[in-house]
Amino acid sequence: EPGPPPGDAGAPLNMGDMGDMGDMRSPGPQGTRHPPFRVYDSDMHSVLQKGPPPPPDAPRLPLVVDGKVIGWLVVAGPEVMFHSADRQFQAQQVRATWIIAGFAALLAAGVAIVLSRLLLAPVRRLVMATHRLASGDYSIRVPDAGSDELHNLAADFNRLAISLGNAERSRRNLIADISHELRTPLAVLRGELEAIEDGVRKPDRATLASLQAEVALLSQLIDDLYELSLADIGELSFEKVRLDVAPIVEAAAESFKDRLADKKIALETDIDAASVIMLGDPYRLTQLMKNLLENALRYTDSGGKVRVAVAQHDHEIRIDVQDTHPAVPEPLLPHLFDRLFRVDASRSRQSGGAGLGLALCKHIVGQHGGTIDALRSPLGGLWIAVRFATLETKDD
């Protein structure tokens, strides 16, 4: 015989009890409804059902007539209905969860694409600007408004571009100025030699002196350029010892006395009688003073005056070199220490000098831990103020 349908078999149910089945097919007197059920024959064919099919684990009862099982009754209890509702609710929740997850994934992808474009846009600008900067376009700039790291990087990039542009302009100007400075004495030398060769000028003492002056000028220019190049790479040597700077300044001023007198320029010195002790290189300090006095000699009008003073105030050594007219315009004073800089109106190439001496002075003073400034002189010309710390201050 065929086996029973799935589920737990309950106690046999006599067909006499089937009178109650009518009550299971219709609402009770109070309108209550019975749970779903199904009746199978002995061959497990469904012959009667109400509501949805009961689940496989629903309880079942055998239908017995005269001791023989003629069918089965399967009834879904209230807890089975609850389980079915739970499974239906769970299925709905899973479906809703998948829908929400899919929508969230699409939304996240859209937001990620938008944010990536917003975040990568400044990076792309920086990359493109870097390529242009590497190719030599120093005028390139990138927007740097904002306060985050990318905008700070953009601001640093702009400063780098400005610095490189200034360096490139300085390099070009330096090459042009050096070419000009070298061309002038060479042109004079060539003209003098050609005149001698053609018999226009005789090779007398005056002609030789003129040639010697141009050679000395050219030699000085080359020496200054060489020392500045050493200063740039940090190879300009300094041998610092304990010394009294007053005698160095006095000796340098004394060496220019005759040359100043030839140009009818008076020399005044105000050097402290007490020792002015500092730690310095005597050769470089002498070079400093000679460059300052050479500058005053070249650019002071005949009949003027040069004043040199050395004094110690507290823990500071003050060296001042002042001259009379002509004066330097106030806006140009900070540029006097730039290489190859000259004031065109009153300090021309004919006065001598290539504009390298004060640049070298600035480096020498800086290597001694001092400061050098260009000011308007009460005498009417230029005032170069050099300041050093005393040896006692450095020891402290």
Protein backbone atom coordinates (compact mmCIF):
# COMPACT_ATOMS: atom_id res chain seq x y z
CA GLU A 1 0.00 0.00 0.00
CA PRO A 2 1.11 3.55 -0.58
CA GLY A 3 2.69 5.20 2.38
CA PRO A 4 1.14 8.15 4.17
CA PRO A 5 1.73 11.68 3.02
CA PRO A 6 4.53 13.61 4.69
CA GLY A 7 4.04 14.76 8.23
CA ASP A 8 3.58 13.17 11.61
CA ALA A 9 0.82 10.58 11.80
CA GLY A 10 -1.69 11.19 14.53
CA ALA A 11 -4.33 8.96 16.07
CA PRO A 12 -6.70 7.17 13.61
CA LEU A 13 -9.88 9.04 12.81
CA ASN A 14 -13.09 6.97 12.36
CA MET A 15 -15.38 7.97 9.57
CA GLY A 16 -18.07 8.47 12.14
CA ASP A 17 -16.22 11.44 13.22
CA MET A 18 -16.33 12.97 9.74
CA GLY A 19 -19.60 14.60 10.62
CA ASP A 20 -17.56 17.34 12.00
CA MET A 21 -15.87 18.00 8.65
CA GLY A 22 -18.75 20.17 7.61
CA ASP A 23 -17.88 22.46 10.41
CA MET A 24 -14.31 22.70 9.02
CA ARG A 25 -15.60 23.83 5.63
CA SER A 26 -17.67 26.72 6.86
CA PRO A 27 -17.43 29.44 9.44
CA GLY A 28 -18.65 28.63 12.93
CA PRO A 29 -21.61 30.26 14.64
CA GLN A 30 -19.38 33.17 15.75
CA GLY A 31 -17.83 33.55 12.27
CA THR A 32 -14.57 31.84 13.16
CA ARG A 33 -12.62 30.16 10.34
CA HIS A 34 -10.88 26.82 10.49
CA PRO A 35 -7.31 26.29 9.40
CA PRO A 36 -6.57 24.92 5.89
CA PHE A 37 -6.82 21.14 5.45
CA ARG A 38 -6.57 18.46 2.76
CA VAL A 39 -8.04 14.95 2.45
CA TYR A 40 -6.13 12.23 0.59
CA ASP A 41 -7.51 8.82 -0.46
CA SER A 42 -5.60 5.63 0.18
CA ASP A 43 -3.71 6.16 -3.07
CA MET A 44 -2.57 9.63 -1.83
CA HIS A 45 -4.75 11.50 -4.29
CA SER A 46 -6.18 14.74 -3.03
CA VAL A 47 -9.96 14.48 -2.91
CA LEU A 48 -10.85 17.51 -0.80
CA GLN A 49 -9.07 20.66 0.25
CA LYS A 50 -9.67 24.03 1.82
CA GLY A 51 -7.33 26.98 1.58
CA PRO A 52 -3.72 26.73 0.51
CA PRO A 53 -1.95 23.39 0.70
CA PRO A 54 -0.70 22.64 4.20
CA PRO A 55 3.07 22.53 4.60
CA PRO A 56 4.80 19.13 4.50
CA ASP A 57 5.32 19.12 8.25
CA ALA A 58 1.61 19.69 9.02
CA PRO A 59 0.05 17.06 11.34
CA ARG A 60 -1.93 14.27 9.61
CA LEU A 61 -4.62 11.89 10.77
CA PRO A 62 -5.46 8.47 9.18
CA LEU A 63 -9.10 7.89 8.14
CA VAL A 64 -10.13 4.39 9.28
CA VAL A 65 -13.30 2.46 8.32
CA ASP A 66 -13.81 -0.96 9.80
CA GLY A 67 -10.20 -0.97 10.90
CA LYS A 68 -8.92 -0.15 7.42
CA VAL A 69 -7.16 3.12 6.48
CA ILE A 70 -9.07 4.57 3.54
CA GLY A 71 -7.42 8.02 3.47
CA TRP A 72 -5.58 10.74 5.29
CA LEU A 73 -6.52 14.11 6.73
CA VAL A 74 -3.87 16.79 6.84
CA VAL A 75 -4.64 19.95 8.81
CA ALA A 76 -2.38 23.03 9.15
CA GLY A 77 -2.39 24.23 12.71
CA PRO A 78 -2.26 27.91 13.76
CA GLU A 79 1.49 27.75 14.40
CA VAL A 80 2.05 26.53 10.82
CA MET A 81 0.13 29.52 9.52
CA PHE A 82 2.31 31.74 11.62
CA HIS A 83 5.44 30.07 10.20
CA SER A 84 4.13 30.59 6.68
CA ALA A 85 3.46 34.27 7.37
CA ASP A 86 6.96 34.61 8.80
CA ARG A 87 8.49 33.02 5.72
CA GLN A 88 6.46 35.29 3.47
CA PHE A 89 7.50 38.34 5.48
CA GLN A 90 11.10 37.18 5.41
CA ALA A 91 10.97 36.74 1.65
CA GLN A 92 9.58 40.24 1.28
CA GLN A 93 12.29 41.64 3.52
CA VAL A 94 15.03 39.85 1.58
CA ARG A 95 13.63 41.17 -1.69
CA ALA A 96 13.38 44.69 -0.27
CA THR A 97 16.92 44.41 1.11
CA TRP A 98 18.31 43.44 -2.27
CA ILE A 99 16.46 46.33 -3.91
CA ILE A 100 17.78 48.77 -1.32
CA ALA A 101 21.31 47.35 -1.60
CA GLY A 102 21.24 47.65 -5.38
CA PHE A 103 19.98 51.22 -5.20
CA ALA A 104 22.60 52.09 -2.56
CA ALA A 105 25.35 50.56 -4.73
CA LEU A 106 24.24 52.60 -7.73
CA LEU A 107 24.03 55.74 -5.62
CA ALA A 108 27.47 55.10 -4.10
CA ALA A 109 28.95 54.52 -7.55
CA GLY A 110 27.45 57.78 -8.83
CA VAL A 111 28.71 59.74 -5.81
CA ALA A 112 32.15 58.12 -6.12
CA ILE A 113 32.39 59.09 -9.78
CA VAL A 114 31.42 62.70 -9.03
CA LEU A 115 33.79 62.96 -6.05
CA SER A 116 36.64 61.38 -7.99
CA ARG A 117 36.20 63.93 -10.75
CA LEU A 118 36.14 66.77 -8.22
CA LEU A 119 39.19 65.47 -6.33
CA LEU A 120 41.23 64.46 -9.35
CA ALA A 121 40.60 67.67 -11.29
CA PRO A 122 43.17 69.74 -9.30
CA VAL A 123 45.60 66.82 -9.42
CA ARG A 124 45.29 66.70 -13.21
CA ARG A 125 45.86 70.46 -13.36
CA LEU A 126 49.00 70.08 -11.26
CA VAL A 127 50.28 67.26 -13.44
CA MET A 128 49.72 69.24 -16.64
CA ALA A 129 51.27 72.37 -15.10
CA THR A 130 54.29 70.34 -13.94
CA HIS A 131 54.84 69.08 -17.47
CA ARG A 132 54.73 72.64 -18.80
CA LEU A 133 57.06 73.84 -16.05
CA ALA A 134 59.52 71.04 -16.84
CA SER A 135 59.47 72.10 -20.50
CA GLY A 136 60.55 75.64 -19.55
CA ASP A 137 57.23 77.49 -19.29
CA TYR A 138 57.78 79.33 -15.99
CA SER A 139 54.71 81.53 -16.47
CA ILE A 140 52.32 78.64 -15.74
CA ARG A 141 50.16 79.01 -12.62
CA VAL A 142 47.45 76.83 -11.05
CA PRO A 143 44.45 77.98 -8.97
CA ASP A 144 45.39 77.91 -5.29
CA ALA A 145 42.21 79.18 -3.60
CA GLY A 146 41.26 77.09 -0.58
CA SER A 147 42.85 75.69 2.55
CA ASP A 148 43.18 71.93 2.01
CA GLU A 149 46.37 70.04 1.19
CA LEU A 150 45.86 70.15 -2.58
CA HIS A 151 45.47 73.91 -2.57
CA ASN A 152 48.54 74.26 -0.34
CA LEU A 153 50.43 72.13 -2.86
CA ALA A 154 49.15 74.38 -5.65
CA ALA A 155 50.39 77.45 -3.76
CA ASP A 156 53.82 75.84 -3.32
CA PHE A 157 53.85 75.00 -7.03
CA ASN A 158 53.15 78.64 -7.91
CA ARG A 159 55.96 79.82 -5.63
CA LEU A 160 58.30 77.30 -7.24
CA ALA A 161 57.32 78.54 -10.71
CA ILE A 162 57.96 82.14 -9.65
CA SER A 163 61.36 81.22 -8.19
CA LEU A 164 62.38 79.31 -11.29
CA GLY A 165 61.21 82.17 -13.50
CA ASN A 166 63.24 84.67 -11.49
CA ALA A 167 66.27 82.38 -11.59
CA GLU A 168 65.97 82.01 -15.35
CA ARG A 169 65.70 85.77 -15.83
CA SER A 170 68.68 86.33 -13.54
CA ARG A 171 70.69 83.78 -15.49
CA ARG A 172 69.91 85.44 -18.81
CA ASN A 173 70.61 88.90 -17.45
CA LEU A 174 73.87 87.70 -15.90
CA ILE A 175 75.07 86.21 -19.17
CA ALA A 176 74.10 89.36 -21.08
CA ASP A 177 75.73 91.67 -18.52
CA ILE A 178 78.93 89.63 -18.32
CA SER A 179 79.14 89.56 -22.11
CA HIS A 180 78.76 93.33 -22.16
CA GLU A 181 81.32 93.88 -19.41
CA LEU A 182 83.87 91.65 -21.10
CA ARG A 183 83.23 93.13 -24.54
CA THR A 184 83.96 96.72 -23.50
CA PRO A 185 87.58 96.36 -22.28
CA LEU A 186 88.32 93.88 -25.04
CA ALA A 187 87.01 96.34 -27.63
CA VAL A 188 89.21 99.09 -26.16
CA LEU A 189 92.24 96.81 -26.17
CA ARG A 190 91.61 95.78 -29.76
CA GLY A 191 91.18 99.38 -30.87
CA GLU A 192 94.38 100.47 -29.13
CA LEU A 193 96.37 97.61 -30.61
CA GLU A 194 95.01 98.22 -34.10
CA ALA A 195 95.89 101.91 -33.79
CA ILE A 196 99.44 101.01 -32.82
CA GLU A 197 99.65 98.48 -35.62
CA ASP A 198 98.43 101.03 -38.19
CA GLY A 199 100.83 103.66 -36.90
CA VAL A 200 98.03 105.95 -35.71
CA ARG A 201 99.34 105.79 -32.15
CA LYS A 202 102.86 105.32 -30.96
CA PRO A 203 103.65 102.66 -28.37
CA ASP A 204 104.70 105.26 -25.81
CA ARG A 205 104.23 105.29 -22.04
CA ALA A 206 100.73 106.82 -22.20
CA THR A 207 99.48 104.22 -24.68
CA LEU A 208 100.90 101.36 -22.64
CA ALA A 209 99.36 102.82 -19.48
CA SER A 210 95.97 102.91 -21.20
CA LEU A 211 96.35 99.29 -22.28
CA GLN A 212 97.46 98.31 -18.78
CA ALA A 213 94.39 99.98 -17.28
CA GLU A 214 92.05 98.03 -19.54
CA VAL A 215 93.88 94.78 -18.76
CA ALA A 216 93.63 95.52 -15.03
CA LEU A 217 89.92 96.22 -15.38
CA LEU A 218 89.38 93.00 -17.28
CA SER A 219 91.44 91.06 -14.75
CA GLN A 220 89.47 92.53 -11.84
CA LEU A 221 86.20 91.60 -13.49
CA ILE A 222 87.30 88.03 -14.01
CA ASP A 223 88.58 87.78 -10.44
CA ASP A 224 85.29 89.07 -9.05
CA LEU A 225 83.29 86.65 -11.17
CA TYR A 226 85.49 83.79 -10.04
CA GLU A 227 85.11 84.64 -6.36
CA LEU A 228 81.35 85.04 -6.70
CA SER A 229 81.14 81.65 -8.39
CA LEU A 230 83.08 80.18 -5.47
CA ALA A 231 80.69 81.88 -3.07
CA ASP A 232 77.70 80.36 -4.87
CA ILE A 233 78.98 76.82 -4.40
CA GLY A 234 80.26 77.48 -0.87
CA GLU A 235 83.92 77.15 -1.81
CA LEU A 236 85.03 80.71 -0.98
CA SER A 237 87.57 80.11 1.77
CA PHE A 238 87.46 81.88 5.16
CA GLU A 239 90.12 81.52 7.86
CA LYS A 240 88.67 83.25 10.89
CA VAL A 241 90.83 84.27 13.83
CA ARG A 242 90.49 86.62 16.79
CA LEU A 243 91.43 90.09 15.54
CA ASP A 244 91.07 93.82 16.04
CA VAL A 245 89.12 95.14 13.07
CA ALA A 246 90.08 98.80 13.61
CA PRO A 247 93.64 98.52 12.21
CA ILE A 248 92.32 96.64 9.17
CA VAL A 249 89.87 99.42 8.36
CA GLU A 250 92.51 102.09 9.00
CA ALA A 251 95.06 100.39 6.73
CA ALA A 252 92.53 100.01 3.93
CA ALA A 253 91.56 103.69 4.18
CA GLU A 254 95.22 104.74 4.18
CA SER A 255 95.85 102.75 0.98
CA PHE A 256 93.18 104.82 -0.84
CA LYS A 257 94.41 108.18 0.43
CA ASP A 258 96.49 109.06 -2.63
CA ARG A 259 93.89 107.90 -5.14
CA LEU A 260 91.20 109.93 -3.39
CA ALA A 261 93.50 112.97 -3.33
CA ASP A 262 94.13 112.64 -7.08
CA LYS A 263 90.38 112.98 -7.60
CA LYS A 264 90.25 115.86 -5.10
CA ILE A 265 88.13 113.83 -2.65
CA ALA A 266 88.80 114.38 1.05
CA LEU A 267 89.15 111.38 3.34
CA GLU A 268 87.90 111.52 6.93
CA THR A 269 88.40 108.69 9.40
CA ASP A 270 86.81 108.22 12.79
CA ILE A 271 88.28 105.02 14.19
CA ASP A 272 87.83 104.04 17.81
CA ALA A 273 91.11 104.05 19.68
CA ALA A 274 90.01 101.08 21.80
CA SER A 275 90.36 97.58 20.45
CA VAL A 276 87.37 96.34 18.46
CA ILE A 277 87.69 92.57 18.77
CA MET A 278 85.80 90.13 16.56
CA LEU A 279 86.22 86.73 14.96
CA GLY A 280 86.99 87.18 11.29
CA ASP A 281 89.19 86.55 8.28
CA PRO A 282 91.67 89.45 7.95
CA TYR A 283 92.12 88.94 4.20
CA ARG A 284 88.36 88.92 3.50
CA LEU A 285 87.74 91.91 5.79
CA THR A 286 90.47 93.83 3.97
CA GLN A 287 88.85 92.87 0.67
CA LEU A 288 85.50 94.09 2.07
CA MET A 289 86.90 97.51 2.99
CA LYS A 290 88.76 97.93 -0.32
CA ASN A 291 85.61 97.15 -2.28
CA LEU A 292 83.61 99.67 -0.25
CA LEU A 293 86.27 102.36 -0.66
CA GLU A 294 86.66 101.56 -4.36
CA ASN A 295 82.92 102.03 -4.77
CA ALA A 296 83.08 105.38 -2.96
CA LEU A 297 86.07 106.48 -5.06
CA ARG A 298 84.43 105.65 -8.37
CA TYR A 299 81.04 107.18 -7.68
CA THR A 300 81.85 110.33 -5.69
CA ASP A 301 82.09 113.58 -7.56
CA SER A 302 85.38 115.49 -7.59
CA GLY A 303 85.64 117.86 -4.61
CA GLY A 304 83.54 115.56 -2.44
CA LYS A 305 84.30 113.71 0.74
CA VAL A 306 84.48 110.11 1.99
CA ARG A 307 84.06 109.36 5.69
CA VAL A 308 85.09 106.04 7.29
CA ALA A 309 84.11 105.27 10.88
CA VAL A 310 84.62 102.26 13.18
CA ALA A 311 83.08 102.04 16.65
CA GLN A 312 81.77 99.54 19.15
CA HIS A 313 78.37 100.03 20.76
CA ASP A 314 77.48 97.51 23.45
CA HIS A 315 78.01 94.14 21.73
CA GLU A 316 77.91 95.45 18.17
CA ILE A 317 80.74 96.56 15.86
CA ARG A 318 79.74 99.34 13.46
CA ILE A 319 81.66 100.10 10.28
CA ASP A 320 80.29 103.01 8.22
CA VAL A 321 81.47 104.28 4.84
CA GLN A 322 79.75 107.46 3.66
CA ASP A 323 80.29 109.69 0.65
CA THR A 324 78.91 112.88 -0.84
CA HIS A 325 76.98 113.46 -4.05
CA PRO A 326 75.68 112.02 -6.26
CA ALA A 327 72.95 110.26 -4.28
CA VAL A 328 71.28 106.97 -5.11
CA PRO A 329 67.49 107.10 -5.54
CA GLU A 330 65.71 105.64 -2.54
CA PRO A 331 63.92 102.82 -4.43
CA LEU A 332 67.23 101.58 -5.86
CA LEU A 333 69.10 101.28 -2.56
CA PRO A 334 68.04 97.64 -1.85
CA HIS A 335 69.33 96.60 -5.30
CA LEU A 336 72.87 97.91 -4.88
CA PHE A 337 74.01 94.48 -3.65
CA ASP A 338 72.60 92.69 -6.71
CA ARG A 339 75.16 91.41 -9.15
CA LEU A 340 76.01 93.65 -12.10
CA PHE A 341 73.64 96.35 -10.84
CA ARG A 342 74.51 99.98 -11.47
CA VAL A 343 72.53 103.18 -11.23
CA ASP A 344 72.49 104.33 -14.86
CA ALA A 345 72.12 108.05 -14.28
CA SER A 346 75.10 108.74 -12.04
CA ARG A 347 77.06 105.49 -11.82
CA SER A 348 77.79 104.55 -15.39
CA ARG A 349 80.18 102.12 -16.98
CA GLN A 350 82.62 104.95 -17.64
CA SER A 351 83.16 105.33 -13.88
CA GLY A 352 84.62 101.86 -13.82
CA GLY A 353 83.42 98.74 -12.07
CA ALA A 354 81.02 96.06 -13.19
CA GLY A 355 78.65 96.03 -10.23
CA LEU A 356 80.18 92.96 -8.62
CA GLY A 357 82.09 94.48 -5.71
CA LEU A 358 79.08 95.17 -3.46
CA ALA A 359 77.61 91.73 -4.20
CA LEU A 360 80.87 90.19 -3.01
CA CYS A 361 80.83 92.47 0.07
CA LYS A 362 77.37 91.18 0.97
CA HIS A 363 78.60 87.60 0.86
CA ILE A 364 81.68 88.36 2.97
CA VAL A 365 79.60 90.12 5.62
CA GLY A 366 77.07 87.29 5.64
CA GLN A 367 79.81 84.70 6.19
CA HIS A 368 80.91 86.68 9.25
CA GLY A 369 77.37 86.65 10.66
CA GLY A 370 76.87 90.37 10.07
CA THR A 371 74.55 92.64 8.12
CA ILE A 372 75.17 95.24 5.42
CA ASP A 373 72.69 97.93 4.36
CA ALA A 374 72.63 100.79 1.88
CA LEU A 375 71.17 104.05 3.19
CA ARG A 376 70.96 107.72 2.26
CA SER A 377 73.97 109.50 3.69
CA PRO A 378 73.66 112.76 5.64
CA LEU A 379 76.58 113.91 3.48
CA GLY A 380 74.32 113.71 0.43
CA GLY A 381 75.56 110.48 -1.13
CA LEU A 382 75.58 106.81 -0.14
CA TRP A 383 75.95 105.31 3.33
CA ILE A 384 77.06 101.68 3.60
CA ALA A 385 76.42 100.43 7.15
CA VAL A 386 78.13 97.18 8.17
CA ARG A 387 77.32 95.54 11.50
CA PHE A 388 79.17 92.67 13.22
CA ALA A 389 78.78 91.00 16.58
CA THR A 390 81.69 91.29 18.99
CA LEU A 391 83.66 88.21 19.97
CA GLU A 392 82.21 88.28 23.48
CA THR A 393 78.67 88.12 22.08
CA LYS A 394 79.52 85.10 19.93
CA ASP A 395 81.12 83.37 22.92
CA ASP A 396 77.93 83.92 24.92
